[in-house]
Amino acid sequence: MRSDKDKANVFATNLADVFRAEQAHIDDDVEDCITAPCHMSLPIRAFTPAEVKAELTRLNTRKAPGYDLISGQILKQLLF
């Protein structure tokens, strides 16, 4: 069984690999949000660790990962 520190290190390494400058592929929608006001509502509401855990338990692991390439299955593994 992996410790929380081990999981965090694997997760951090994955994010570093995904977001390396030479590998970054920003699509038009993401670039538009960076350079112009985005459709997201701000400010972001504060949340608790319990709320994060509740959302992670409801994740559909069969959906495709987002821009960060982190799948629901990977996120669920962080719970255990």
N, C-alpha and C. Protein backbone atom coordinates (compact mmCIF):
# COMPACT_ATOMS: atom_id res chain seq x y z
N MET A 1 0.84 -1.18 0.00
CA MET A 1 0.00 0.00 0.00
C MET A 1 0.89 1.24 0.00
N ARG A 2 0.53 2.20 -0.81
CA ARG A 2 1.32 3.43 -0.91
C ARG A 2 0.89 4.43 0.14
N SER A 3 1.85 5.18 0.63
CA SER A 3 1.55 6.23 1.59
C SER A 3 0.97 7.44 0.85
N ASP A 4 0.38 8.36 1.60
CA ASP A 4 -0.14 9.58 0.99
C ASP A 4 0.98 10.37 0.32
N LYS A 5 2.16 10.35 0.92
CA LYS A 5 3.30 11.05 0.34
C LYS A 5 3.71 10.42 -0.99
N ASP A 6 3.71 9.09 -1.07
CA ASP A 6 4.03 8.40 -2.32
C ASP A 6 3.02 8.76 -3.41
N LYS A 7 1.74 8.77 -3.05
CA LYS A 7 0.70 9.12 -4.02
C LYS A 7 0.87 10.55 -4.51
N ALA A 8 1.17 11.47 -3.59
CA ALA A 8 1.35 12.87 -3.96
C ALA A 8 2.54 13.02 -4.90
N ASN A 9 3.61 12.29 -4.65
CA ASN A 9 4.79 12.37 -5.51
C ASN A 9 4.51 11.85 -6.91
N VAL A 10 3.78 10.74 -7.02
CA VAL A 10 3.43 10.20 -8.33
C VAL A 10 2.52 11.18 -9.07
N PHE A 11 1.57 11.74 -8.36
CA PHE A 11 0.63 12.71 -8.95
C PHE A 11 1.39 13.94 -9.42
N ALA A 12 2.31 14.46 -8.62
CA ALA A 12 3.10 15.64 -8.98
C ALA A 12 3.98 15.36 -10.19
N THR A 13 4.58 14.18 -10.24
CA THR A 13 5.41 13.82 -11.38
C THR A 13 4.58 13.76 -12.65
N ASN A 14 3.39 13.18 -12.55
CA ASN A 14 2.51 13.10 -13.72
C ASN A 14 2.15 14.50 -14.21
N LEU A 15 1.77 15.39 -13.30
CA LEU A 15 1.41 16.75 -13.70
C LEU A 15 2.59 17.46 -14.34
N ALA A 16 3.77 17.27 -13.79
CA ALA A 16 4.96 17.91 -14.36
C ALA A 16 5.21 17.41 -15.78
N ASP A 17 5.01 16.12 -16.01
CA ASP A 17 5.20 15.56 -17.35
C ASP A 17 4.15 16.09 -18.33
N VAL A 18 2.91 16.18 -17.88
CA VAL A 18 1.83 16.63 -18.74
C VAL A 18 2.00 18.09 -19.13
N PHE A 19 2.45 18.90 -18.19
CA PHE A 19 2.49 20.33 -18.43
C PHE A 19 3.88 20.88 -18.75
N ARG A 20 4.78 20.04 -19.20
CA ARG A 20 6.08 20.53 -19.64
C ARG A 20 5.88 21.48 -20.81
N ALA A 21 6.60 22.58 -20.81
CA ALA A 21 6.41 23.63 -21.81
C ALA A 21 6.53 23.10 -23.23
N GLU A 22 7.49 22.25 -23.49
CA GLU A 22 7.68 21.78 -24.85
C GLU A 22 6.61 20.78 -25.29
N GLN A 23 5.84 20.26 -24.34
CA GLN A 23 4.78 19.31 -24.68
C GLN A 23 3.39 19.93 -24.62
N ALA A 24 3.30 21.14 -24.11
CA ALA A 24 1.99 21.76 -23.91
C ALA A 24 1.30 22.00 -25.25
N HIS A 25 0.08 21.57 -25.34
CA HIS A 25 -0.75 21.80 -26.52
C HIS A 25 -2.02 22.49 -26.04
N ILE A 26 -2.02 23.80 -26.14
CA ILE A 26 -3.17 24.56 -25.66
C ILE A 26 -4.13 24.73 -26.83
N ASP A 27 -5.34 24.20 -26.67
CA ASP A 27 -6.32 24.36 -27.75
C ASP A 27 -6.90 25.78 -27.72
N ASP A 28 -7.67 26.13 -28.73
CA ASP A 28 -8.18 27.49 -28.87
C ASP A 28 -9.04 27.92 -27.69
N ASP A 29 -9.88 27.02 -27.18
CA ASP A 29 -10.75 27.37 -26.05
C ASP A 29 -9.94 27.74 -24.82
N VAL A 30 -8.92 26.94 -24.52
CA VAL A 30 -8.09 27.21 -23.34
C VAL A 30 -7.33 28.51 -23.54
N GLU A 31 -6.78 28.71 -24.72
CA GLU A 31 -6.04 29.94 -24.98
C GLU A 31 -6.96 31.16 -24.87
N ASP A 32 -8.19 31.04 -25.35
CA ASP A 32 -9.15 32.14 -25.23
C ASP A 32 -9.42 32.48 -23.77
N CYS A 33 -9.51 31.47 -22.92
CA CYS A 33 -9.76 31.71 -21.50
C CYS A 33 -8.56 32.37 -20.82
N ILE A 34 -7.37 32.10 -21.34
CA ILE A 34 -6.17 32.70 -20.76
C ILE A 34 -6.07 34.17 -21.16
N THR A 35 -6.42 34.48 -22.40
CA THR A 35 -6.23 35.83 -22.91
C THR A 35 -7.45 36.72 -22.80
N ALA A 36 -8.61 36.16 -22.50
CA ALA A 36 -9.85 36.95 -22.41
C ALA A 36 -10.67 36.43 -21.24
N PRO A 37 -11.65 37.23 -20.80
CA PRO A 37 -12.52 36.74 -19.72
C PRO A 37 -13.18 35.42 -20.12
N CYS A 38 -13.20 34.50 -19.21
CA CYS A 38 -13.73 33.17 -19.46
C CYS A 38 -15.16 33.08 -18.97
N HIS A 39 -15.87 32.08 -19.39
CA HIS A 39 -17.27 31.89 -19.00
C HIS A 39 -17.41 31.33 -17.58
N MET A 40 -16.28 31.06 -16.93
CA MET A 40 -16.35 30.52 -15.57
C MET A 40 -16.80 31.61 -14.61
N SER A 41 -17.55 31.20 -13.62
CA SER A 41 -17.99 32.17 -12.62
C SER A 41 -16.91 32.33 -11.56
N LEU A 42 -16.65 33.56 -11.20
CA LEU A 42 -15.65 33.86 -10.19
C LEU A 42 -16.31 34.68 -9.09
N PRO A 43 -15.91 34.67 -7.90
CA PRO A 43 -14.80 33.91 -7.36
C PRO A 43 -15.18 32.44 -7.15
N ILE A 44 -14.17 31.61 -7.06
CA ILE A 44 -14.38 30.18 -6.83
C ILE A 44 -14.78 29.98 -5.37
N ARG A 45 -15.81 29.18 -5.16
CA ARG A 45 -16.31 28.90 -3.82
C ARG A 45 -15.32 28.03 -3.06
N ALA A 46 -15.11 28.35 -1.80
CA ALA A 46 -14.25 27.52 -0.95
C ALA A 46 -14.88 26.14 -0.76
N PHE A 47 -14.05 25.12 -0.58
CA PHE A 47 -14.55 23.77 -0.39
C PHE A 47 -13.70 23.05 0.64
N THR A 48 -14.27 22.01 1.21
CA THR A 48 -13.59 21.25 2.26
C THR A 48 -13.03 19.95 1.68
N PRO A 49 -12.09 19.34 2.37
CA PRO A 49 -11.60 18.03 1.93
C PRO A 49 -12.73 17.00 1.83
N ALA A 50 -13.70 17.08 2.72
CA ALA A 50 -14.82 16.15 2.67
C ALA A 50 -15.63 16.32 1.39
N GLU A 51 -15.79 17.56 0.93
CA GLU A 51 -16.51 17.81 -0.32
C GLU A 51 -15.73 17.26 -1.52
N VAL A 52 -14.41 17.40 -1.48
CA VAL A 52 -13.58 16.85 -2.55
C VAL A 52 -13.73 15.34 -2.59
N LYS A 53 -13.65 14.70 -1.42
CA LYS A 53 -13.79 13.25 -1.35
C LYS A 53 -15.15 12.80 -1.87
N ALA A 54 -16.21 13.54 -1.51
CA ALA A 54 -17.55 13.18 -1.97
C ALA A 54 -17.64 13.26 -3.50
N GLU A 55 -17.05 14.28 -4.09
CA GLU A 55 -17.06 14.41 -5.55
C GLU A 55 -16.24 13.31 -6.21
N LEU A 56 -15.10 12.98 -5.63
CA LEU A 56 -14.27 11.93 -6.21
C LEU A 56 -14.95 10.58 -6.17
N THR A 57 -15.72 10.31 -5.13
CA THR A 57 -16.41 9.02 -5.06
C THR A 57 -17.51 8.91 -6.11
N ARG A 58 -18.02 10.06 -6.58
CA ARG A 58 -19.08 10.06 -7.59
C ARG A 58 -18.55 10.11 -9.02
N LEU A 59 -17.25 10.20 -9.19
CA LEU A 59 -16.67 10.32 -10.52
C LEU A 59 -16.98 9.10 -11.39
N ASN A 60 -17.25 9.37 -12.64
CA ASN A 60 -17.43 8.30 -13.62
C ASN A 60 -16.05 7.95 -14.17
N THR A 61 -15.55 6.78 -13.87
CA THR A 61 -14.20 6.39 -14.29
C THR A 61 -14.14 6.00 -15.76
N ARG A 62 -15.27 5.97 -16.44
CA ARG A 62 -15.27 5.60 -17.87
C ARG A 62 -15.20 6.82 -18.79
N LYS A 63 -15.20 8.00 -18.22
CA LYS A 63 -15.11 9.21 -19.04
C LYS A 63 -13.66 9.50 -19.38
N ALA A 64 -13.49 10.20 -20.49
CA ALA A 64 -12.14 10.56 -20.95
C ALA A 64 -11.53 11.59 -20.01
N PRO A 65 -10.22 11.58 -19.88
CA PRO A 65 -9.56 12.58 -19.04
C PRO A 65 -9.65 13.96 -19.68
N GLY A 66 -9.45 14.99 -18.88
CA GLY A 66 -9.47 16.35 -19.38
C GLY A 66 -8.11 16.77 -19.91
N TYR A 67 -7.93 18.08 -20.03
CA TYR A 67 -6.70 18.63 -20.58
C TYR A 67 -5.46 18.16 -19.81
N ASP A 68 -5.63 17.96 -18.50
CA ASP A 68 -4.49 17.55 -17.67
C ASP A 68 -4.16 16.07 -17.81
N LEU A 69 -4.96 15.33 -18.56
CA LEU A 69 -4.79 13.90 -18.81
C LEU A 69 -4.94 13.04 -17.56
N ILE A 70 -5.61 13.58 -16.55
CA ILE A 70 -5.85 12.82 -15.31
C ILE A 70 -7.24 12.20 -15.41
N SER A 71 -7.29 10.90 -15.42
CA SER A 71 -8.57 10.21 -15.55
C SER A 71 -9.27 10.11 -14.19
N GLY A 72 -10.55 9.83 -14.25
CA GLY A 72 -11.32 9.62 -13.02
C GLY A 72 -10.78 8.45 -12.23
N GLN A 73 -10.28 7.45 -12.91
CA GLN A 73 -9.71 6.28 -12.24
C GLN A 73 -8.48 6.67 -11.43
N ILE A 74 -7.64 7.53 -11.99
CA ILE A 74 -6.46 7.99 -11.25
C ILE A 74 -6.89 8.79 -10.02
N LEU A 75 -7.85 9.68 -10.19
CA LEU A 75 -8.31 10.49 -9.06
C LEU A 75 -8.90 9.62 -7.95
N LYS A 76 -9.65 8.60 -8.33
CA LYS A 76 -10.22 7.71 -7.32
C LYS A 76 -9.13 6.96 -6.55
N GLN A 77 -8.03 6.63 -7.23
CA GLN A 77 -6.93 5.93 -6.56
C GLN A 77 -6.30 6.81 -5.48
N LEU A 78 -6.41 8.11 -5.61
CA LEU A 78 -5.85 9.01 -4.60
C LEU A 78 -6.60 8.91 -3.28
N LEU A 79 -7.82 8.40 -3.31
CA LEU A 79 -8.61 8.26 -2.08
C LEU A 79 -8.13 7.12 -1.20
N PHE A 80 -7.50 6.12 -1.81
CA PHE A 80 -7.17 4.91 -1.07
C PHE A 80 -5.70 4.78 -0.79
